[in-house]
Each structure stands twice: as structure tokens, then as C-alpha cells.
Amino acid sequence: MITLRFRFILSLSLVALAGLVARGAESFDQTDARFGRVLTAFVKNANVDYAKLKADPVELDAYLQEIAVVPAAEFAR
């Protein structure tokens, strides 16, 4: 069941990213602060609250959109 939820969330995120891939990379936040906020909000004691994440995927989607358009060379900086 968790796997299905994860696949659903990942699928939604990938669909949201599809329209942004063609755009160039904007300023990439190397601190991953947005992802840190996602982890803080949805992970407690090494357990992911998938129901809560499914209900409010906005922050995760935004983070995935940011990194989807970053060239691989930019990650190495």
C-alpha cells in the first residue's frame, strides 16, 4: 500500500514537471532548503506520513520542479 501511494505521488510530481523541463535552469538552491522543509513536515521518527504528503504535495512538487531543470554540471558545484 505504501508503494502504491509513493508511486501515485511520484507520478503526480512527474506530470507537473513535464511542462517545466523545456525551461532552462534558474538559480538552483544548493542548500536544498525546500526539501528540508518537506522532510520536516512529512517525516517523523524515520516514518513518512504518506497520507499527509498526498493531501499537501505542493512543497515537494515545487522542489522537484526546481531540480528537474538543473543541468547535471550544476549539481557538482
C-alpha atoms as a PDB file:
ATOM      1  CA  MET A   1       0.000   0.000   0.000  1.00  0.00           C
ATOM      2  CA  ILE A   2       2.818   2.419   0.805  1.00  0.00           C
ATOM      3  CA  THR A   3       4.437   1.615  -2.514  1.00  0.00           C
ATOM      4  CA  LEU A   4       1.238   2.490  -4.363  1.00  0.00           C
ATOM      5  CA  ARG A   5       0.977   5.794  -2.526  1.00  0.00           C
ATOM      6  CA  PHE A   6       4.585   6.611  -3.286  1.00  0.00           C
ATOM      7  CA  ARG A   7       4.088   5.760  -6.966  1.00  0.00           C
ATOM      8  CA  PHE A   8       0.982   7.930  -7.081  1.00  0.00           C
ATOM      9  CA  ILE A   9       2.777  10.905  -5.546  1.00  0.00           C
ATOM     10  CA  LEU A  10       5.789  10.418  -7.779  1.00  0.00           C
ATOM     11  CA  SER A  11       3.568  10.176 -10.852  1.00  0.00           C
ATOM     12  CA  LEU A  12       1.789  13.405  -9.979  1.00  0.00           C
ATOM     13  CA  SER A  13       5.113  15.123  -9.452  1.00  0.00           C
ATOM     14  CA  LEU A  14       6.495  13.920 -12.777  1.00  0.00           C
ATOM     15  CA  VAL A  15       3.426  15.137 -14.623  1.00  0.00           C
ATOM     16  CA  ALA A  16       3.819  18.544 -13.023  1.00  0.00           C
ATOM     17  CA  LEU A  17       7.475  18.602 -14.039  1.00  0.00           C
ATOM     18  CA  ALA A  18       6.893  17.699 -17.670  1.00  0.00           C
ATOM     19  CA  GLY A  19       5.960  21.230 -18.650  1.00  0.00           C
ATOM     20  CA  LEU A  20       8.975  22.733 -16.932  1.00  0.00           C
ATOM     21  CA  VAL A  21      11.730  20.561 -18.349  1.00  0.00           C
ATOM     22  CA  ALA A  22      11.972  22.636 -21.501  1.00  0.00           C
ATOM     23  CA  ARG A  23      12.798  25.745 -19.481  1.00  0.00           C
ATOM     24  CA  GLY A  24      16.381  26.459 -18.574  1.00  0.00           C
ATOM     25  CA  ALA A  25      17.653  26.093 -15.052  1.00  0.00           C
ATOM     26  CA  GLU A  26      17.049  29.088 -12.876  1.00  0.00           C
ATOM     27  CA  SER A  27      19.052  29.781  -9.766  1.00  0.00           C
ATOM     28  CA  PHE A  28      19.491  26.455  -8.040  1.00  0.00           C
ATOM     29  CA  ASP A  29      19.391  26.438  -4.240  1.00  0.00           C
ATOM     30  CA  GLN A  30      22.318  24.202  -3.313  1.00  0.00           C
ATOM     31  CA  THR A  31      21.179  24.109   0.327  1.00  0.00           C
ATOM     32  CA  ASP A  32      18.055  22.098  -0.557  1.00  0.00           C
ATOM     33  CA  ALA A  33      16.165  24.193   1.985  1.00  0.00           C
ATOM     34  CA  ARG A  34      12.822  23.429   0.342  1.00  0.00           C
ATOM     35  CA  PHE A  35      13.479  19.672   0.541  1.00  0.00           C
ATOM     36  CA  GLY A  36      14.430  20.133   4.180  1.00  0.00           C
ATOM     37  CA  ARG A  37      11.021  21.695   4.800  1.00  0.00           C
ATOM     38  CA  VAL A  38       9.360  18.707   3.106  1.00  0.00           C
ATOM     39  CA  LEU A  39      11.271  16.291   5.317  1.00  0.00           C
ATOM     40  CA  THR A  40      10.457  18.285   8.450  1.00  0.00           C
ATOM     41  CA  ALA A  41       6.764  18.388   7.585  1.00  0.00           C
ATOM     42  CA  PHE A  42       6.240  14.792   6.471  1.00  0.00           C
ATOM     43  CA  VAL A  43       8.853  12.586   8.175  1.00  0.00           C
ATOM     44  CA  LYS A  44       8.722  11.805  11.878  1.00  0.00           C
ATOM     45  CA  ASN A  45      10.873   9.144  13.564  1.00  0.00           C
ATOM     46  CA  ALA A  46      12.035   7.857  10.151  1.00  0.00           C
ATOM     47  CA  ASN A  47       8.421   7.309   9.044  1.00  0.00           C
ATOM     48  CA  VAL A  48       6.889   9.150   6.112  1.00  0.00           C
ATOM     49  CA  ASP A  49       3.310  10.350   6.587  1.00  0.00           C
ATOM     50  CA  TYR A  50       2.175   9.478   3.068  1.00  0.00           C
ATOM     51  CA  ALA A  51      -1.449  10.463   3.662  1.00  0.00           C
ATOM     52  CA  LYS A  52      -0.386  13.939   4.744  1.00  0.00           C
ATOM     53  CA  LEU A  53       2.029  14.227   1.808  1.00  0.00           C
ATOM     54  CA  LYS A  54      -0.644  13.115  -0.640  1.00  0.00           C
ATOM     55  CA  ALA A  55      -3.036  15.702   0.788  1.00  0.00           C
ATOM     56  CA  ASP A  56      -0.484  18.524   0.503  1.00  0.00           C
ATOM     57  CA  PRO A  57       2.219  17.790  -2.113  1.00  0.00           C
ATOM     58  CA  VAL A  58       2.783  21.460  -3.040  1.00  0.00           C
ATOM     59  CA  GLU A  59       6.185  21.887  -1.391  1.00  0.00           C
ATOM     60  CA  LEU A  60       7.534  18.569  -2.712  1.00  0.00           C
ATOM     61  CA  ASP A  61       6.238  19.327  -6.211  1.00  0.00           C
ATOM     62  CA  ALA A  62       7.895  22.749  -6.144  1.00  0.00           C
ATOM     63  CA  TYR A  63      11.209  21.222  -5.069  1.00  0.00           C
ATOM     64  CA  LEU A  64      11.048  18.578  -7.791  1.00  0.00           C
ATOM     65  CA  GLN A  65      10.237  21.243 -10.374  1.00  0.00           C
ATOM     66  CA  GLU A  66      13.297  23.217  -9.298  1.00  0.00           C
ATOM     67  CA  ILE A  67      15.740  20.342  -9.576  1.00  0.00           C
ATOM     68  CA  ALA A  68      14.256  18.831 -12.733  1.00  0.00           C
ATOM     69  CA  VAL A  69      15.592  21.634 -14.905  1.00  0.00           C
ATOM     70  CA  VAL A  70      19.048  21.882 -13.353  1.00  0.00           C
ATOM     71  CA  PRO A  71      21.839  20.555 -15.576  1.00  0.00           C
ATOM     72  CA  ALA A  72      23.965  17.784 -14.031  1.00  0.00           C
ATOM     73  CA  ALA A  73      27.031  20.041 -14.021  1.00  0.00           C
ATOM     74  CA  GLU A  74      25.208  22.482 -11.752  1.00  0.00           C
ATOM     75  CA  PHE A  75      24.799  19.799  -9.061  1.00  0.00           C
ATOM     76  CA  ALA A  76      28.559  19.370  -8.863  1.00  0.00           C
ATOM     77  CA  ARG A  77      29.197  22.958  -7.777  1.00  0.00           C
END
